[in-house]
Amino acid sequence: MSSIIANAYRPEPGKISASTGPYFYNSDMQSKPDQFYKDVRVGWSLVAEAILGKSSGLEIGIFYFDKPYLRFEGDDYLVESINRLYITTGYRHWWSRDFSTALGIFSSYSMGDVEKIFESKTFESDFISSAHDVSEHGLDASIRYEHEFTNKDGFVVDLRYSFNLNPKSGERANHYGLNLAYIRRVEVK
């Protein structure tokens, strides 16, 4: 008979960790046109966390993915996308040894060229989505579960929602995501 030792994550002041892994995401639209992203998309994440108090920490995350934009004008719509680098900074509160929530802000930056995926009619040249904006800003919320296999290694399951603060009129620019990541404690001397 053997036993498996399971370690819950322990938020300890001064502890620093880094996680990386795939980020599965999509738009938060309830009903989407057929030409919009129907399937979940995949990006990548890198998140660092520093525990500041007994149950609180500072989190900085970088997410890279192909961001979809859907903009309506009446019944007609435009779908565009662009690669974006999201940088989030937030406050994380630990409710228990393995469960936490976070609120933060994000800035995102376009990388590459805008791809027009679909337009239901020919729009005027000034009818564009936020994919053409160099930067965006918004709010980020997270519900996270962490589990350590050893005192240095573990995994993260992180549900996120990003709310865009500056969408264009008739545009749906918010998204939700699931981050599955490997986490490692970083030794600091």
N, C-alpha and C. Protein backbone atom coordinates (compact mmCIF):
# COMPACT_ATOMS: atom_id res chain seq x y z
N MET A 1 0.85 -1.18 0.00
CA MET A 1 0.00 0.00 0.00
C MET A 1 0.89 1.24 0.00
N SER A 2 0.59 2.16 -0.90
CA SER A 2 1.36 3.40 -0.95
C SER A 2 0.41 4.58 -0.87
N SER A 3 0.94 5.69 -0.50
CA SER A 3 0.12 6.90 -0.40
C SER A 3 0.72 7.99 -1.28
N ILE A 4 -0.14 8.86 -1.73
CA ILE A 4 0.28 10.01 -2.54
C ILE A 4 0.12 11.25 -1.68
N ILE A 5 1.18 12.02 -1.61
CA ILE A 5 1.12 13.25 -0.82
C ILE A 5 0.64 14.38 -1.72
N ALA A 6 -0.42 15.04 -1.31
CA ALA A 6 -0.96 16.18 -2.06
C ALA A 6 -0.75 17.44 -1.26
N ASN A 7 -0.22 18.43 -1.89
CA ASN A 7 0.05 19.70 -1.21
C ASN A 7 -0.84 20.78 -1.77
N ALA A 8 -1.60 21.44 -0.92
CA ALA A 8 -2.36 22.61 -1.36
C ALA A 8 -1.40 23.78 -1.44
N TYR A 9 -1.69 24.71 -2.29
CA TYR A 9 -0.87 25.90 -2.43
C TYR A 9 -0.91 26.70 -1.13
N ARG A 10 0.24 27.21 -0.71
CA ARG A 10 0.28 27.98 0.53
C ARG A 10 0.74 29.40 0.23
N PRO A 11 -0.18 30.37 0.27
CA PRO A 11 0.26 31.76 0.06
C PRO A 11 1.04 32.25 1.27
N GLU A 12 2.34 32.43 1.11
CA GLU A 12 3.21 32.89 2.19
C GLU A 12 3.84 34.21 1.77
N PRO A 13 3.83 35.22 2.66
CA PRO A 13 4.44 36.50 2.30
C PRO A 13 5.87 36.32 1.80
N GLY A 14 6.17 36.98 0.71
CA GLY A 14 7.49 36.91 0.10
C GLY A 14 7.62 35.82 -0.94
N LYS A 15 6.65 34.94 -1.03
CA LYS A 15 6.71 33.85 -2.01
C LYS A 15 6.43 34.41 -3.40
N ILE A 16 7.23 33.99 -4.37
CA ILE A 16 7.05 34.40 -5.76
C ILE A 16 6.89 33.15 -6.61
N SER A 17 5.93 33.18 -7.52
CA SER A 17 5.73 32.04 -8.41
C SER A 17 5.52 32.53 -9.83
N ALA A 18 5.77 31.63 -10.78
CA ALA A 18 5.55 31.92 -12.20
C ALA A 18 4.82 30.73 -12.80
N SER A 19 3.86 31.03 -13.68
CA SER A 19 3.13 29.95 -14.35
C SER A 19 3.07 30.24 -15.84
N THR A 20 2.99 29.18 -16.62
CA THR A 20 2.88 29.31 -18.06
C THR A 20 2.07 28.15 -18.61
N GLY A 21 1.31 28.43 -19.67
CA GLY A 21 0.50 27.39 -20.27
C GLY A 21 -0.47 27.94 -21.29
N PRO A 22 -1.26 27.05 -21.90
CA PRO A 22 -2.22 27.48 -22.91
C PRO A 22 -3.37 28.28 -22.31
N TYR A 23 -3.89 29.19 -23.11
CA TYR A 23 -5.01 30.04 -22.73
C TYR A 23 -6.11 29.81 -23.77
N PHE A 24 -7.21 29.18 -23.35
CA PHE A 24 -8.34 28.89 -24.23
C PHE A 24 -9.36 30.01 -24.06
N TYR A 25 -9.82 30.63 -25.15
CA TYR A 25 -10.65 31.82 -25.04
C TYR A 25 -11.66 31.91 -26.16
N ASN A 26 -12.64 32.80 -25.97
CA ASN A 26 -13.62 33.13 -27.01
C ASN A 26 -14.32 34.42 -26.61
N SER A 27 -15.11 34.96 -27.53
CA SER A 27 -15.89 36.16 -27.26
C SER A 27 -17.01 35.81 -26.30
N ASP A 28 -17.50 36.80 -25.57
CA ASP A 28 -18.59 36.55 -24.62
C ASP A 28 -19.98 36.71 -25.24
N MET A 29 -20.06 36.80 -26.56
CA MET A 29 -21.37 36.98 -27.21
C MET A 29 -22.27 35.77 -26.97
N GLN A 30 -23.52 36.03 -26.65
CA GLN A 30 -24.47 34.95 -26.42
C GLN A 30 -24.89 34.29 -27.72
N SER A 31 -25.16 35.07 -28.74
CA SER A 31 -25.49 34.50 -30.06
C SER A 31 -24.56 35.15 -31.06
N LYS A 32 -23.92 34.33 -31.86
CA LYS A 32 -22.91 34.83 -32.78
C LYS A 32 -23.33 34.58 -34.22
N PRO A 33 -22.98 35.45 -35.13
CA PRO A 33 -23.18 35.15 -36.55
C PRO A 33 -22.36 33.93 -36.94
N ASP A 34 -22.78 33.24 -37.98
CA ASP A 34 -22.09 32.02 -38.40
C ASP A 34 -20.62 32.25 -38.72
N GLN A 35 -20.28 33.44 -39.21
CA GLN A 35 -18.91 33.69 -39.62
C GLN A 35 -18.01 34.11 -38.46
N PHE A 36 -18.58 34.30 -37.27
CA PHE A 36 -17.75 34.68 -36.13
C PHE A 36 -17.10 33.44 -35.54
N TYR A 37 -16.15 33.60 -34.63
CA TYR A 37 -15.43 32.47 -34.05
C TYR A 37 -16.40 31.58 -33.29
N LYS A 38 -16.70 30.42 -33.84
CA LYS A 38 -17.61 29.48 -33.18
C LYS A 38 -16.88 28.63 -32.16
N ASP A 39 -15.66 28.27 -32.48
CA ASP A 39 -14.90 27.36 -31.63
C ASP A 39 -13.98 28.14 -30.70
N VAL A 40 -13.63 27.49 -29.62
CA VAL A 40 -12.68 28.07 -28.68
C VAL A 40 -11.33 28.20 -29.36
N ARG A 41 -10.66 29.30 -29.12
CA ARG A 41 -9.34 29.58 -29.70
C ARG A 41 -8.26 29.32 -28.64
N VAL A 42 -7.01 29.25 -29.06
CA VAL A 42 -5.93 28.96 -28.12
C VAL A 42 -4.84 30.04 -28.23
N GLY A 43 -4.41 30.53 -27.08
CA GLY A 43 -3.30 31.46 -26.98
C GLY A 43 -2.30 30.92 -25.96
N TRP A 44 -1.44 31.81 -25.42
CA TRP A 44 -0.45 31.38 -24.45
C TRP A 44 -0.35 32.41 -23.32
N SER A 45 0.02 31.95 -22.13
CA SER A 45 0.09 32.84 -20.98
C SER A 45 1.40 32.67 -20.22
N LEU A 46 1.78 33.75 -19.54
CA LEU A 46 2.89 33.76 -18.60
C LEU A 46 2.46 34.69 -17.47
N VAL A 47 2.36 34.15 -16.25
CA VAL A 47 1.86 34.93 -15.12
C VAL A 47 2.84 34.82 -13.96
N ALA A 48 3.17 35.96 -13.35
CA ALA A 48 4.02 36.01 -12.17
C ALA A 48 3.19 36.53 -11.01
N GLU A 49 3.44 35.98 -9.84
CA GLU A 49 2.67 36.37 -8.66
C GLU A 49 3.61 36.51 -7.47
N ALA A 50 3.44 37.61 -6.73
CA ALA A 50 4.22 37.84 -5.51
C ALA A 50 3.24 37.96 -4.36
N ILE A 51 3.39 37.13 -3.35
CA ILE A 51 2.52 37.17 -2.18
C ILE A 51 3.00 38.30 -1.26
N LEU A 52 2.12 39.25 -0.98
CA LEU A 52 2.49 40.42 -0.19
C LEU A 52 2.05 40.30 1.27
N GLY A 53 0.96 39.62 1.51
CA GLY A 53 0.44 39.47 2.87
C GLY A 53 -0.02 38.05 3.08
N LYS A 54 -0.65 37.81 4.21
CA LYS A 54 -1.09 36.45 4.56
C LYS A 54 -2.06 35.87 3.53
N SER A 55 -2.90 36.73 2.93
CA SER A 55 -3.88 36.22 1.96
C SER A 55 -4.02 37.12 0.73
N SER A 56 -2.96 37.87 0.40
CA SER A 56 -3.06 38.77 -0.75
C SER A 56 -1.76 38.79 -1.53
N GLY A 57 -1.90 39.13 -2.80
CA GLY A 57 -0.72 39.17 -3.64
C GLY A 57 -0.90 40.08 -4.84
N LEU A 58 0.20 40.35 -5.50
CA LEU A 58 0.23 41.14 -6.73
C LEU A 58 0.49 40.18 -7.88
N GLU A 59 -0.32 40.30 -8.93
CA GLU A 59 -0.19 39.40 -10.07
C GLU A 59 0.04 40.23 -11.33
N ILE A 60 0.99 39.81 -12.13
CA ILE A 60 1.25 40.42 -13.43
C ILE A 60 1.23 39.31 -14.46
N GLY A 61 0.40 39.47 -15.48
CA GLY A 61 0.27 38.43 -16.48
C GLY A 61 0.45 38.95 -17.89
N ILE A 62 0.95 38.08 -18.75
CA ILE A 62 1.10 38.38 -20.17
C ILE A 62 0.38 37.27 -20.93
N PHE A 63 -0.55 37.67 -21.80
CA PHE A 63 -1.32 36.71 -22.59
C PHE A 63 -1.17 37.10 -24.06
N TYR A 64 -0.84 36.12 -24.89
CA TYR A 64 -0.70 36.37 -26.32
C TYR A 64 -1.73 35.53 -27.06
N PHE A 65 -2.58 36.19 -27.87
CA PHE A 65 -3.59 35.45 -28.63
C PHE A 65 -4.15 36.28 -29.77
N ASP A 66 -4.89 35.61 -30.64
CA ASP A 66 -5.53 36.23 -31.80
C ASP A 66 -6.90 36.74 -31.36
N LYS A 67 -7.04 38.03 -31.16
CA LYS A 67 -8.25 38.63 -30.58
C LYS A 67 -9.31 38.88 -31.65
N PRO A 68 -10.53 38.32 -31.46
CA PRO A 68 -11.63 38.56 -32.41
C PRO A 68 -12.43 39.82 -32.04
N TYR A 69 -12.94 40.51 -33.03
CA TYR A 69 -13.80 41.68 -32.83
C TYR A 69 -15.03 41.55 -33.73
N LEU A 70 -16.17 41.83 -33.18
CA LEU A 70 -17.43 41.79 -33.92
C LEU A 70 -18.10 43.14 -33.74
N ARG A 71 -18.37 43.83 -34.84
CA ARG A 71 -19.02 45.14 -34.78
C ARG A 71 -20.25 45.15 -35.66
N PHE A 72 -21.37 45.57 -35.05
CA PHE A 72 -22.65 45.61 -35.74
C PHE A 72 -22.99 47.03 -36.20
N GLU A 73 -23.71 47.10 -37.31
CA GLU A 73 -24.39 48.32 -37.75
C GLU A 73 -25.76 47.86 -38.23
N GLY A 74 -26.75 47.98 -37.34
CA GLY A 74 -28.07 47.42 -37.63
C GLY A 74 -27.99 45.91 -37.64
N ASP A 75 -28.44 45.29 -38.74
CA ASP A 75 -28.35 43.83 -38.87
C ASP A 75 -27.07 43.38 -39.57
N ASP A 76 -26.31 44.33 -40.06
CA ASP A 76 -25.06 44.01 -40.74
C ASP A 76 -23.90 44.04 -39.75
N TYR A 77 -22.85 43.31 -40.07
CA TYR A 77 -21.73 43.23 -39.13
C TYR A 77 -20.41 42.98 -39.85
N LEU A 78 -19.36 43.28 -39.10
CA LEU A 78 -17.99 43.14 -39.55
C LEU A 78 -17.25 42.29 -38.53
N VAL A 79 -16.45 41.34 -38.98
CA VAL A 79 -15.63 40.51 -38.10
C VAL A 79 -14.17 40.69 -38.50
N GLU A 80 -13.36 41.12 -37.53
CA GLU A 80 -11.93 41.29 -37.76
C GLU A 80 -11.16 40.68 -36.59
N SER A 81 -9.88 40.42 -36.81
CA SER A 81 -9.05 39.91 -35.72
C SER A 81 -7.63 40.43 -35.88
N ILE A 82 -6.91 40.39 -34.77
CA ILE A 82 -5.49 40.78 -34.76
C ILE A 82 -4.82 40.09 -33.58
N ASN A 83 -3.54 39.79 -33.72
CA ASN A 83 -2.79 39.26 -32.59
C ASN A 83 -2.59 40.38 -31.58
N ARG A 84 -2.80 40.03 -30.31
CA ARG A 84 -2.65 41.02 -29.25
C ARG A 84 -1.82 40.45 -28.11
N LEU A 85 -1.08 41.34 -27.48
CA LEU A 85 -0.34 41.03 -26.27
C LEU A 85 -1.07 41.74 -25.13
N TYR A 86 -1.70 40.97 -24.24
CA TYR A 86 -2.41 41.52 -23.08
C TYR A 86 -1.47 41.51 -21.90
N ILE A 87 -1.41 42.62 -21.20
CA ILE A 87 -0.61 42.72 -19.97
C ILE A 87 -1.58 43.10 -18.86
N THR A 88 -1.70 42.23 -17.87
CA THR A 88 -2.62 42.47 -16.76
C THR A 88 -1.84 42.69 -15.48
N THR A 89 -2.39 43.55 -14.64
CA THR A 89 -1.84 43.78 -13.31
C THR A 89 -3.01 43.78 -12.35
N GLY A 90 -2.92 42.97 -11.30
CA GLY A 90 -4.07 42.88 -10.42
C GLY A 90 -3.74 42.48 -9.00
N TYR A 91 -4.75 42.60 -8.18
CA TYR A 91 -4.70 42.20 -6.77
C TYR A 91 -5.36 40.84 -6.65
N ARG A 92 -4.65 39.86 -6.08
CA ARG A 92 -5.21 38.52 -5.87
C ARG A 92 -5.43 38.29 -4.38
N HIS A 93 -6.63 37.81 -4.05
CA HIS A 93 -6.98 37.51 -2.66
C HIS A 93 -7.19 36.00 -2.52
N TRP A 94 -6.54 35.41 -1.52
CA TRP A 94 -6.65 33.98 -1.26
C TRP A 94 -7.76 33.74 -0.24
N TRP A 95 -8.78 32.97 -0.64
CA TRP A 95 -9.90 32.64 0.24
C TRP A 95 -9.61 31.37 1.03
N SER A 96 -8.79 30.51 0.46
CA SER A 96 -8.36 29.28 1.13
C SER A 96 -6.98 28.94 0.57
N ARG A 97 -6.44 27.81 0.95
CA ARG A 97 -5.09 27.44 0.50
C ARG A 97 -5.02 27.10 -0.98
N ASP A 98 -6.17 26.86 -1.61
CA ASP A 98 -6.11 26.50 -3.02
C ASP A 98 -7.03 27.31 -3.92
N PHE A 99 -7.77 28.24 -3.36
CA PHE A 99 -8.74 29.01 -4.14
C PHE A 99 -8.53 30.50 -3.94
N SER A 100 -8.51 31.26 -5.06
CA SER A 100 -8.33 32.71 -4.96
C SER A 100 -9.09 33.41 -6.08
N THR A 101 -9.29 34.70 -5.90
CA THR A 101 -9.89 35.55 -6.93
C THR A 101 -9.00 36.78 -7.12
N ALA A 102 -9.14 37.40 -8.28
CA ALA A 102 -8.34 38.59 -8.56
C ALA A 102 -9.14 39.58 -9.38
N LEU A 103 -8.85 40.85 -9.15
CA LEU A 103 -9.36 41.95 -9.96
C LEU A 103 -8.17 42.75 -10.43
N GLY A 104 -8.22 43.16 -11.68
CA GLY A 104 -7.09 43.90 -12.20
C GLY A 104 -7.46 44.76 -13.38
N ILE A 105 -6.45 45.37 -13.92
CA ILE A 105 -6.59 46.18 -15.13
C ILE A 105 -5.71 45.56 -16.21
N PHE A 106 -6.06 45.82 -17.46
CA PHE A 106 -5.20 45.34 -18.53
C PHE A 106 -4.98 46.43 -19.57
N SER A 107 -3.87 46.29 -20.23
CA SER A 107 -3.57 47.05 -21.45
C SER A 107 -3.20 46.00 -22.48
N SER A 108 -3.66 46.19 -23.69
CA SER A 108 -3.30 45.24 -24.75
C SER A 108 -2.76 46.01 -25.94
N TYR A 109 -1.87 45.35 -26.66
CA TYR A 109 -1.17 46.01 -27.76
C TYR A 109 -1.25 45.13 -29.00
N SER A 110 -1.55 45.76 -30.13
CA SER A 110 -1.68 45.01 -31.38
C SER A 110 -0.30 44.58 -31.87
N MET A 111 -0.29 43.42 -32.50
CA MET A 111 0.94 42.88 -33.06
C MET A 111 0.61 42.31 -34.44
N GLY A 112 1.16 42.88 -35.47
CA GLY A 112 0.89 42.40 -36.81
C GLY A 112 -0.21 43.19 -37.49
N ASP A 113 -0.80 42.56 -38.49
CA ASP A 113 -1.82 43.22 -39.32
C ASP A 113 -3.22 42.73 -38.97
N VAL A 114 -4.19 43.59 -39.18
CA VAL A 114 -5.60 43.24 -38.97
C VAL A 114 -6.03 42.30 -40.08
N GLU A 115 -6.76 41.26 -39.69
CA GLU A 115 -7.32 40.33 -40.67
C GLU A 115 -8.83 40.52 -40.71
N LYS A 116 -9.37 40.84 -41.90
CA LYS A 116 -10.82 40.93 -42.06
C LYS A 116 -11.33 39.53 -42.33
N ILE A 117 -12.15 39.03 -41.43
CA ILE A 117 -12.65 37.66 -41.54
C ILE A 117 -13.95 37.62 -42.33
N PHE A 118 -14.83 38.60 -42.09
CA PHE A 118 -16.12 38.61 -42.79
C PHE A 118 -16.76 39.98 -42.67
N GLU A 119 -17.47 40.39 -43.71
CA GLU A 119 -18.35 41.55 -43.62
C GLU A 119 -19.62 41.20 -44.39
N SER A 120 -20.76 41.49 -43.76
CA SER A 120 -22.04 41.10 -44.36
C SER A 120 -22.45 42.02 -45.50
N LYS A 121 -21.79 43.18 -45.60
CA LYS A 121 -21.99 44.10 -46.72
C LYS A 121 -20.71 44.91 -46.86
N THR A 122 -20.60 45.69 -47.89
CA THR A 122 -19.44 46.56 -48.04
C THR A 122 -19.67 47.81 -47.21
N PHE A 123 -18.87 47.98 -46.18
CA PHE A 123 -19.00 49.13 -45.27
C PHE A 123 -18.14 50.29 -45.77
N GLU A 124 -18.46 51.49 -45.28
CA GLU A 124 -17.61 52.66 -45.54
C GLU A 124 -16.22 52.37 -44.98
N SER A 125 -15.20 53.01 -45.51
CA SER A 125 -13.83 52.73 -45.09
C SER A 125 -13.56 53.11 -43.63
N ASP A 126 -14.38 54.00 -43.05
CA ASP A 126 -14.17 54.39 -41.66
C ASP A 126 -14.92 53.48 -40.68
N PHE A 127 -15.66 52.50 -41.17
CA PHE A 127 -16.34 51.54 -40.30
C PHE A 127 -15.38 50.38 -40.04
N ILE A 128 -14.66 50.47 -38.93
CA ILE A 128 -13.66 49.47 -38.57
C ILE A 128 -13.88 49.03 -37.13
N SER A 129 -13.22 47.97 -36.74
CA SER A 129 -13.32 47.50 -35.36
C SER A 129 -12.12 48.00 -34.55
N SER A 130 -12.13 47.68 -33.28
CA SER A 130 -11.01 48.05 -32.40
C SER A 130 -9.75 47.27 -32.71
N ALA A 131 -9.83 46.31 -33.62
CA ALA A 131 -8.63 45.59 -34.05
C ALA A 131 -7.61 46.57 -34.63
N HIS A 132 -8.07 47.71 -35.12
CA HIS A 132 -7.18 48.71 -35.70
C HIS A 132 -6.53 49.61 -34.65
N ASP A 133 -7.00 49.54 -33.40
CA ASP A 133 -6.42 50.35 -32.33
C ASP A 133 -5.09 49.74 -31.89
N VAL A 134 -4.10 50.58 -31.71
CA VAL A 134 -2.79 50.10 -31.28
C VAL A 134 -2.85 49.56 -29.86
N SER A 135 -3.63 50.23 -29.00
CA SER A 135 -3.75 49.75 -27.62
C SER A 135 -5.21 49.79 -27.16
N GLU A 136 -5.50 48.93 -26.20
CA GLU A 136 -6.81 48.88 -25.56
C GLU A 136 -6.60 48.80 -24.05
N HIS A 137 -7.65 49.14 -23.31
CA HIS A 137 -7.56 49.08 -21.85
C HIS A 137 -8.86 48.52 -21.31
N GLY A 138 -8.77 47.88 -20.15
CA GLY A 138 -9.98 47.31 -19.58
C GLY A 138 -9.76 46.71 -18.21
N LEU A 139 -10.77 45.98 -17.76
CA LEU A 139 -10.78 45.34 -16.45
C LEU A 139 -10.71 43.84 -16.63
N ASP A 140 -10.08 43.19 -15.69
CA ASP A 140 -9.86 41.74 -15.75
C ASP A 140 -10.28 41.13 -14.43
N ALA A 141 -11.04 40.03 -14.47
CA ALA A 141 -11.44 39.31 -13.26
C ALA A 141 -11.02 37.85 -13.41
N SER A 142 -10.64 37.24 -12.29
CA SER A 142 -10.12 35.88 -12.33
C SER A 142 -10.60 35.08 -11.12
N ILE A 143 -10.91 33.80 -11.36
CA ILE A 143 -11.17 32.82 -10.31
C ILE A 143 -10.16 31.71 -10.55
N ARG A 144 -9.38 31.41 -9.52
CA ARG A 144 -8.22 30.53 -9.74
C ARG A 144 -8.12 29.42 -8.70
N TYR A 145 -7.72 28.24 -9.19
CA TYR A 145 -7.42 27.09 -8.33
C TYR A 145 -5.97 26.70 -8.59
N GLU A 146 -5.21 26.52 -7.52
CA GLU A 146 -3.82 26.09 -7.65
C GLU A 146 -3.59 24.86 -6.79
N HIS A 147 -2.76 23.98 -7.29
CA HIS A 147 -2.41 22.78 -6.54
C HIS A 147 -0.93 22.49 -6.76
N GLU A 148 -0.20 22.27 -5.67
CA GLU A 148 1.22 21.95 -5.77
C GLU A 148 1.43 20.45 -5.67
N PHE A 149 2.32 19.92 -6.54
CA PHE A 149 2.73 18.52 -6.45
C PHE A 149 3.88 18.37 -5.47
N THR A 150 4.75 19.37 -5.48
CA THR A 150 5.89 19.42 -4.56
C THR A 150 5.88 20.82 -3.97
N ASN A 151 6.87 21.15 -3.17
CA ASN A 151 6.92 22.51 -2.62
C ASN A 151 7.35 23.54 -3.65
N LYS A 152 7.67 23.09 -4.90
CA LYS A 152 8.07 24.03 -5.96
C LYS A 152 7.21 23.94 -7.22
N ASP A 153 6.57 22.81 -7.48
CA ASP A 153 5.86 22.59 -8.74
C ASP A 153 4.38 22.32 -8.52
N GLY A 154 3.55 22.76 -9.50
CA GLY A 154 2.12 22.50 -9.41
C GLY A 154 1.42 22.87 -10.70
N PHE A 155 0.10 22.99 -10.61
CA PHE A 155 -0.69 23.40 -11.77
C PHE A 155 -1.73 24.42 -11.37
N VAL A 156 -2.22 25.15 -12.37
CA VAL A 156 -3.18 26.24 -12.18
C VAL A 156 -4.35 26.03 -13.12
N VAL A 157 -5.56 26.25 -12.62
CA VAL A 157 -6.76 26.33 -13.43
C VAL A 157 -7.34 27.71 -13.15
N ASP A 158 -7.36 28.57 -14.15
CA ASP A 158 -7.71 29.98 -13.95
C ASP A 158 -8.79 30.39 -14.96
N LEU A 159 -9.98 30.74 -14.48
CA LEU A 159 -11.05 31.27 -15.33
C LEU A 159 -10.95 32.79 -15.32
N ARG A 160 -10.97 33.41 -16.50
CA ARG A 160 -10.82 34.86 -16.60
C ARG A 160 -11.90 35.47 -17.47
N TYR A 161 -12.21 36.72 -17.13
CA TYR A 161 -13.12 37.51 -17.95
C TYR A 161 -12.50 38.89 -18.13
N SER A 162 -12.43 39.35 -19.37
CA SER A 162 -11.86 40.66 -19.68
C SER A 162 -12.92 41.57 -20.27
N PHE A 163 -13.08 42.73 -19.65
CA PHE A 163 -14.08 43.72 -20.05
C PHE A 163 -13.37 44.91 -20.68
N ASN A 164 -13.61 45.14 -21.96
CA ASN A 164 -12.98 46.23 -22.70
C ASN A 164 -13.64 47.56 -22.32
N LEU A 165 -12.85 48.53 -21.92
CA LEU A 165 -13.39 49.83 -21.50
C LEU A 165 -13.63 50.81 -22.65
N ASN A 166 -13.09 50.52 -23.83
CA ASN A 166 -13.23 51.49 -24.93
C ASN A 166 -13.63 50.84 -26.25
N PRO A 167 -14.72 50.05 -26.27
CA PRO A 167 -15.14 49.48 -27.56
C PRO A 167 -15.77 50.56 -28.45
N LYS A 168 -15.78 50.31 -29.73
CA LYS A 168 -16.46 51.20 -30.66
C LYS A 168 -17.97 50.94 -30.57
N SER A 169 -18.79 51.85 -31.07
CA SER A 169 -20.23 51.67 -30.99
C SER A 169 -20.66 50.41 -31.74
N GLY A 170 -21.53 49.63 -31.13
CA GLY A 170 -22.02 48.40 -31.74
C GLY A 170 -21.01 47.27 -31.75
N GLU A 171 -19.95 47.39 -30.96
CA GLU A 171 -18.89 46.39 -30.98
C GLU A 171 -18.94 45.48 -29.76
N ARG A 172 -18.60 44.21 -29.98
CA ARG A 172 -18.47 43.24 -28.90
C ARG A 172 -16.99 42.92 -28.80
N ALA A 173 -16.33 43.40 -27.76
CA ALA A 173 -14.88 43.24 -27.64
C ALA A 173 -14.44 42.58 -26.34
N ASN A 174 -15.40 42.09 -25.54
CA ASN A 174 -15.05 41.38 -24.30
C ASN A 174 -14.77 39.93 -24.62
N HIS A 175 -14.03 39.26 -23.73
CA HIS A 175 -13.79 37.83 -23.92
C HIS A 175 -13.63 37.13 -22.58
N TYR A 176 -13.79 35.82 -22.62
CA TYR A 176 -13.56 34.98 -21.44
C TYR A 176 -12.53 33.93 -21.80
N GLY A 177 -11.88 33.38 -20.78
CA GLY A 177 -10.85 32.40 -21.07
C GLY A 177 -10.61 31.44 -19.93
N LEU A 178 -9.95 30.36 -20.26
CA LEU A 178 -9.53 29.34 -19.30
C LEU A 178 -8.04 29.14 -19.48
N ASN A 179 -7.29 29.37 -18.42
CA ASN A 179 -5.85 29.22 -18.45
C ASN A 179 -5.48 27.95 -17.69
N LEU A 180 -4.84 27.01 -18.35
CA LEU A 180 -4.32 25.80 -17.72
C LEU A 180 -2.80 25.93 -17.76
N ALA A 181 -2.17 25.93 -16.60
CA ALA A 181 -0.74 26.25 -16.60
C ALA A 181 0.04 25.44 -15.58
N TYR A 182 1.30 25.30 -15.89
CA TYR A 182 2.29 24.73 -14.96
C TYR A 182 2.80 25.89 -14.12
N ILE A 183 2.90 25.69 -12.80
CA ILE A 183 3.38 26.75 -11.91
C ILE A 183 4.63 26.29 -11.18
N ARG A 184 5.54 27.22 -10.99
CA ARG A 184 6.78 26.91 -10.29
C ARG A 184 7.10 28.05 -9.34
N ARG A 185 7.48 27.67 -8.15
CA ARG A 185 7.92 28.67 -7.16
C ARG A 185 9.31 29.15 -7.55
N VAL A 186 9.52 30.44 -7.48
CA VAL A 186 10.79 31.05 -7.84
C VAL A 186 11.54 31.36 -6.55
N GLU A 187 12.73 30.83 -6.43
CA GLU A 187 13.54 31.09 -5.24
C GLU A 187 14.10 32.50 -5.29
N VAL A 188 13.90 33.25 -4.22
CA VAL A 188 14.41 34.61 -4.11
C VAL A 188 15.30 34.69 -2.89
N LYS A 189 16.50 35.20 -3.09
CA LYS A 189 17.45 35.28 -1.95
C LYS A 189 17.70 36.71 -1.56
